[in-house]
Protein backbone atom coordinates (compact mmCIF):
# COMPACT_ATOMS: atom_id res chain seq x y z
CA MET A 1 -110.98 -71.09 191.82
CA PRO A 2 -112.41 -71.74 188.33
CA ASP A 3 -109.65 -71.54 185.56
CA LYS A 4 -108.90 -67.72 185.91
CA VAL A 5 -106.61 -65.93 183.76
CA ILE A 6 -105.17 -62.44 184.82
CA VAL A 7 -105.16 -60.04 181.73
CA THR A 8 -102.48 -57.13 182.37
CA CYS A 9 -102.34 -54.02 180.03
CA ALA A 10 -99.03 -52.24 179.37
CA LEU A 11 -100.42 -48.58 178.62
CA THR A 12 -97.72 -46.65 177.36
CA GLY A 13 -94.09 -48.10 177.68
CA VAL A 14 -90.98 -45.66 176.89
CA LEU A 15 -90.51 -46.34 173.17
CA ALA A 16 -93.86 -45.96 171.80
CA THR A 17 -94.84 -42.41 170.21
CA ARG A 18 -97.72 -40.80 168.71
CA GLU A 19 -96.00 -40.79 165.51
CA GLN A 20 -96.30 -44.79 165.40
CA CYS A 21 -100.01 -44.91 166.97
CA PRO A 22 -101.90 -41.63 167.85
CA TRP A 23 -103.36 -43.38 170.63
CA VAL A 24 -100.40 -44.06 172.82
CA PRO A 25 -101.30 -42.00 176.28
CA TYR A 26 -98.77 -39.46 177.86
CA THR A 27 -100.03 -37.50 180.41
CA PRO A 28 -101.49 -38.94 183.76
CA ALA A 29 -104.94 -38.07 182.82
CA GLU A 30 -104.47 -39.86 179.22
CA ILE A 31 -102.95 -42.91 180.79
CA ALA A 32 -105.55 -43.21 183.72
CA GLU A 33 -108.38 -42.82 180.79
CA GLU A 34 -106.38 -45.81 178.98
CA ALA A 35 -106.53 -47.72 182.41
CA ARG A 36 -110.19 -47.07 182.78
CA ARG A 37 -110.63 -48.41 178.98
CA ALA A 38 -108.41 -51.45 179.77
CA TYR A 39 -110.40 -52.24 183.30
CA GLU A 40 -113.64 -51.99 181.52
CA ALA A 41 -112.65 -54.25 178.76
CA GLY A 42 -111.68 -56.86 181.30
CA ALA A 43 -108.35 -56.05 182.65
CA ALA A 44 -107.26 -56.49 186.44
CA LEU A 45 -103.81 -55.21 186.27
CA VAL A 46 -102.04 -52.15 184.47
CA HIS A 47 -98.16 -51.96 183.85
CA ILE A 48 -97.34 -48.39 183.85
CA HIS A 49 -94.23 -46.33 182.66
CA GLY A 50 -94.15 -42.58 183.48
CA ARG A 51 -93.97 -40.06 180.53
CA THR A 52 -93.56 -36.28 180.15
CA GLU A 53 -96.05 -34.18 178.47
CA GLU A 54 -93.95 -34.57 175.58
CA GLY A 55 -93.80 -38.30 175.57
CA ARG A 56 -90.34 -38.77 176.83
CA PRO A 57 -89.88 -41.08 179.47
CA THR A 58 -89.57 -40.16 183.40
CA TYR A 59 -89.29 -41.87 186.63
CA GLU A 60 -90.23 -38.59 188.59
CA PRO A 61 -92.27 -39.85 191.57
CA SER A 62 -94.64 -37.05 191.22
CA VAL A 63 -95.64 -38.20 187.78
CA PHE A 64 -96.30 -41.66 189.17
CA ALA A 65 -98.10 -40.37 191.99
CA ALA A 66 -100.42 -38.29 189.64
CA ILE A 67 -100.95 -41.21 187.57
CA ARG A 68 -101.98 -43.06 190.66
CA ARG A 69 -104.30 -40.39 191.96
CA GLU A 70 -105.95 -40.17 188.37
CA ILE A 71 -106.46 -44.06 187.89
CA GLU A 72 -107.92 -44.68 191.50
CA ALA A 73 -110.44 -41.63 190.61
CA ARG A 74 -111.57 -43.78 187.57
CA CYS A 75 -111.44 -47.40 188.59
CA PRO A 76 -109.95 -50.09 191.01
CA VAL A 77 -107.48 -52.04 188.51
CA ILE A 78 -104.22 -52.86 190.40
CA LEU A 79 -101.09 -50.77 189.48
CA ASN A 80 -97.71 -52.15 188.13
CA PHE A 81 -94.71 -49.79 187.90
CA SER A 82 -91.77 -50.29 185.86
CA THR A 83 -88.36 -49.92 186.81
CA GLY A 84 -86.94 -50.89 183.32
CA GLY A 85 -84.49 -48.86 181.30
CA ILE A 86 -81.00 -47.26 181.04
CA GLY A 87 -79.73 -44.88 184.18
CA PRO A 88 -78.75 -45.22 188.00
CA MET A 89 -81.03 -47.76 190.05
CA GLU A 90 -81.57 -44.68 192.48
CA GLY A 91 -83.59 -42.74 189.88
CA ARG A 92 -85.33 -46.23 188.82
CA VAL A 93 -86.87 -46.93 191.81
CA ALA A 94 -87.64 -43.63 193.69
CA HIS A 95 -91.18 -43.82 192.39
CA ILE A 96 -91.59 -47.25 194.02
CA ARG A 97 -90.36 -46.45 197.49
CA GLU A 98 -92.58 -43.39 197.31
CA VAL A 99 -95.85 -44.15 195.74
CA ARG A 100 -95.74 -47.89 196.62
CA PRO A 101 -97.62 -49.48 193.83
CA ALA A 102 -99.11 -53.07 194.31
CA LEU A 103 -96.45 -54.48 192.26
CA GLY A 104 -92.93 -53.36 190.73
CA ALA A 105 -91.46 -54.70 187.52
CA LEU A 106 -87.98 -55.05 187.15
CA ASN A 107 -85.04 -56.64 184.81
CA MET A 108 -83.71 -59.86 186.12
CA GLY A 109 -80.54 -59.48 183.82
CA SER A 110 -78.57 -57.75 181.34
CA MET A 111 -78.85 -58.04 177.49
CA ASN A 112 -78.79 -56.43 174.38
CA TYR A 113 -81.97 -54.78 173.20
CA ALA A 114 -82.41 -53.87 169.71
CA LYS A 115 -84.98 -53.65 166.90
CA TYR A 116 -83.69 -54.58 163.32
CA SER A 117 -85.20 -53.63 159.99
CA ALA A 118 -84.74 -56.36 157.38
CA ARG A 119 -86.60 -53.77 154.91
CA ARG A 120 -83.83 -50.78 155.61
CA LYS A 121 -81.17 -53.27 156.26
CA GLU A 122 -80.41 -51.42 159.43
CA PHE A 123 -81.11 -51.48 163.27
CA VAL A 124 -83.83 -49.09 164.23
CA PHE A 125 -82.25 -49.01 167.73
CA ASP A 126 -79.48 -50.80 169.48
CA PHE A 127 -78.87 -50.43 173.13
CA VAL A 128 -77.88 -52.60 176.21
CA PHE A 129 -79.89 -53.10 179.57
CA GLU A 130 -77.47 -53.25 182.24
CA ASN A 131 -78.96 -55.22 185.28
CA THR A 132 -76.21 -56.45 187.71
CA PHE A 133 -77.18 -58.71 190.42
CA LYS A 134 -75.86 -55.96 192.62
CA GLY A 135 -78.47 -53.53 190.84
CA ILE A 136 -81.21 -55.90 190.97
CA SER A 137 -80.43 -56.53 194.75
CA TYR A 138 -80.82 -52.94 195.53
CA LEU A 139 -84.19 -52.87 193.58
CA LEU A 140 -85.48 -55.87 195.57
CA ARG A 141 -84.49 -54.38 198.94
CA VAL A 142 -86.28 -51.30 197.90
CA MET A 143 -89.60 -52.62 197.08
CA LYS A 144 -89.39 -55.14 200.29
CA GLU A 145 -89.05 -52.07 202.50
CA ALA A 146 -91.73 -50.50 200.58
CA HIS A 147 -93.99 -53.71 200.60
CA VAL A 148 -94.36 -54.12 196.88
CA LYS A 149 -94.31 -57.31 195.23
CA PRO A 150 -91.70 -57.80 192.71
CA GLU A 151 -92.53 -58.95 189.15
CA LEU A 152 -89.55 -60.66 187.51
CA GLU A 153 -89.13 -59.63 183.80
CA CYS A 154 -87.50 -62.28 182.24
CA PHE A 155 -86.31 -61.98 178.58
CA ASP A 156 -84.29 -65.14 178.50
CA VAL A 157 -84.16 -68.61 180.32
CA GLY A 158 -80.80 -67.23 182.19
CA HIS A 159 -82.92 -64.52 183.45
CA THR A 160 -85.49 -66.93 184.98
CA ASN A 161 -82.84 -68.87 186.41
CA SER A 162 -81.33 -66.00 188.59
CA ILE A 163 -83.68 -65.90 191.11
CA TRP A 164 -81.90 -68.54 193.06
CA PRO A 165 -79.16 -66.58 194.90
CA LEU A 166 -81.83 -63.91 195.11
CA LEU A 167 -83.98 -66.54 197.30
CA ASP A 168 -81.43 -67.59 199.21
CA GLN A 169 -80.68 -64.23 200.55
CA ASP A 170 -84.23 -63.55 201.44
CA LEU A 171 -84.40 -60.82 198.72
CA LEU A 172 -87.11 -62.78 197.03
CA GLU A 173 -90.11 -64.72 198.89
CA ARG A 174 -92.14 -67.50 197.25
CA PRO A 175 -94.85 -67.37 195.60
CA LEU A 176 -93.08 -65.51 192.48
CA GLN A 177 -94.56 -63.67 189.84
CA PHE A 178 -92.84 -63.88 186.45
CA SER A 179 -93.15 -62.04 183.40
CA PHE A 180 -91.71 -63.80 180.26
CA ILE A 181 -90.97 -61.40 177.52
CA MET A 182 -90.89 -62.88 174.05
CA GLY A 183 -89.41 -61.62 170.96
CA VAL A 184 -87.00 -59.00 171.60
CA LEU A 185 -84.28 -59.23 169.51
CA GLY A 186 -81.33 -60.27 171.78
CA GLY A 187 -84.00 -62.30 173.96
CA ILE A 188 -85.60 -65.49 173.66
CA ARG A 189 -87.45 -66.02 170.36
CA ALA A 190 -91.24 -65.97 170.91
CA THR A 191 -92.30 -69.32 170.09
CA ALA A 192 -94.85 -71.91 172.13
CA GLU A 193 -92.00 -74.23 172.62
CA ASN A 194 -89.71 -71.65 174.28
CA LEU A 195 -92.58 -70.33 176.67
CA ALA A 196 -93.34 -73.76 177.88
CA VAL A 197 -89.59 -73.96 178.78
CA GLN A 198 -89.55 -70.57 180.48
CA ALA A 199 -92.95 -71.87 182.67
CA ARG A 200 -91.13 -75.11 183.43
CA GLU A 201 -88.11 -73.30 184.76
CA ALA A 202 -90.29 -71.16 187.10
CA PRO A 203 -90.75 -72.72 190.77
CA PRO A 204 -94.31 -74.82 190.39
CA ASP A 205 -95.99 -72.20 193.21
CA SER A 206 -94.97 -69.16 190.62
CA THR A 207 -97.59 -67.27 188.55
CA TRP A 208 -96.49 -66.30 185.15
CA GLU A 209 -97.79 -64.06 182.39
CA VAL A 210 -96.49 -63.76 178.82
CA VAL A 211 -95.45 -60.84 176.85
CA GLY A 212 -95.28 -61.13 173.01
CA ILE A 213 -93.61 -58.39 171.33
CA SER A 214 -95.25 -56.57 168.14
CA HIS A 215 -96.55 -59.15 165.56
CA GLU A 216 -95.97 -61.94 168.05
CA GLN A 217 -98.17 -60.94 170.69
CA TRP A 218 -101.52 -62.83 169.64
CA SER A 219 -99.55 -66.17 169.03
CA MET A 220 -97.85 -65.65 172.38
CA VAL A 221 -101.33 -64.76 174.24
CA GLY A 222 -102.69 -67.88 172.63
CA ALA A 223 -99.74 -70.21 173.76
CA ALA A 224 -100.33 -68.81 177.38
CA LEU A 225 -103.85 -69.42 177.47
CA ALA A 226 -103.12 -73.15 176.50
CA LEU A 227 -100.37 -73.71 179.03
CA GLY A 228 -102.48 -72.08 181.77
CA GLY A 229 -100.41 -69.14 182.17
CA ASN A 230 -101.75 -65.31 182.38
CA VAL A 231 -101.46 -62.70 179.70
CA ARG A 232 -100.36 -59.06 178.93
CA VAL A 233 -101.48 -57.07 176.04
CA GLY A 234 -101.26 -53.22 175.49
CA LEU A 235 -99.82 -50.42 173.31
CA GLU A 236 -96.58 -50.70 175.18
CA ASP A 237 -95.95 -54.19 173.03
CA ASN A 238 -98.34 -54.02 170.02
CA PHE A 239 -100.10 -51.58 168.38
CA TYR A 240 -102.14 -54.08 166.19
CA LEU A 241 -105.26 -56.29 166.49
CA ASP A 242 -104.18 -58.72 164.17
CA SER A 243 -101.00 -60.54 163.74
CA ARG A 244 -100.07 -59.34 160.25
CA GLY A 245 -100.45 -55.59 161.30
CA THR A 246 -102.92 -54.31 159.23
CA GLN A 247 -105.33 -53.52 161.93
CA MET A 248 -104.33 -50.74 164.26
CA ALA A 249 -105.93 -50.57 167.62
CA ARG A 250 -107.64 -47.28 168.82
CA SER A 251 -107.15 -47.91 172.39
CA ASN A 252 -105.78 -50.12 174.73
CA GLY A 253 -109.24 -51.38 175.58
CA GLU A 254 -109.65 -52.94 171.98
CA LEU A 255 -106.42 -55.06 172.62
CA VAL A 256 -107.90 -56.28 176.06
CA GLU A 257 -111.20 -56.86 174.47
CA LYS A 258 -109.63 -59.41 172.21
CA ALA A 259 -107.55 -60.81 174.78
CA VAL A 260 -110.76 -61.60 176.81
CA ARG A 261 -112.24 -63.17 173.76
CA MET A 262 -109.43 -65.48 173.16
CA ALA A 263 -109.42 -66.69 176.94
CA ARG A 264 -113.23 -67.12 176.74
CA ASP A 265 -112.80 -69.21 173.49
CA ALA A 266 -110.25 -71.30 175.22
CA GLY A 267 -112.47 -71.73 178.11
CA ARG A 268 -110.75 -69.58 180.76
CA GLU A 269 -112.39 -66.51 182.41
CA PRO A 270 -110.70 -63.34 182.99
CA ALA A 271 -110.10 -62.73 186.93
CA SER A 272 -111.80 -59.92 188.63
CA VAL A 273 -109.58 -57.34 190.56
CA ALA A 274 -110.32 -59.43 193.60
CA GLU A 275 -109.27 -62.69 191.93
CA ALA A 276 -106.57 -61.21 190.48
CA ARG A 277 -104.99 -60.00 194.04
CA ALA A 278 -105.65 -63.45 195.53
CA LEU A 279 -103.97 -65.39 192.74
CA LEU A 280 -100.94 -63.20 192.94
CA SER A 281 -101.00 -63.24 196.74
CA LEU A 282 -101.35 -59.59 197.03
CA GLY A 283 -103.76 -59.61 200.07
CA PRO A 284 -106.90 -57.31 200.21
């Protein structure tokens, strides 16, 4: 296959609000419209969190089922559902068991997760992602039973190296798909050097994407394109079309359009849905 890059779009997240960005989608129909815009701009895959109509996070399977119906009525983009957050693992994976997307994202370790405001000299938020090996193993067993491929969200190198006992227990099967999340306070810094380290730690038959948080998004997209990896953009991670944060995107599609331009400028072509399925070993 020619040098293809899978462009993923993270449509809404759990923390982004309309007070911060008016175009953050909440309802299944709104999320599906953003999925359509992302697909038409060149994304082959969308990463999805559930929201209530008021914008609060939810793992209710009926919400994810509605999101799936709405998206599939509009476009054939590949679906990736999140399991990340706070709360009992049973509640964080029920939608995976019942709705069965192609991929399910899961956090590969516990960590501090925070945002600090230097201007205000205080933390904007400060909490802990708790993801023990027991909890991760439970998520993986559910995904295996549901025939959902795990996407391994790694916020630091230790998370990447947590795969080995899970492979030994046959809870993971190669080739693996990694999501290297860069720039979260409590995780690895967003630098090209650190991304190269993460990529080297993954088994050589793996696929991986980078997630640059906030203003780090575009430098990390550039680094991943140079290293041969895949990229993720979207309003979950970053609102802005420039690294200084002066030009807010008005849709997820605008962020995908920029990522596609950067890929083509680097001599790479965005993968179609069929090509992305093949690259991720998802089958037809």
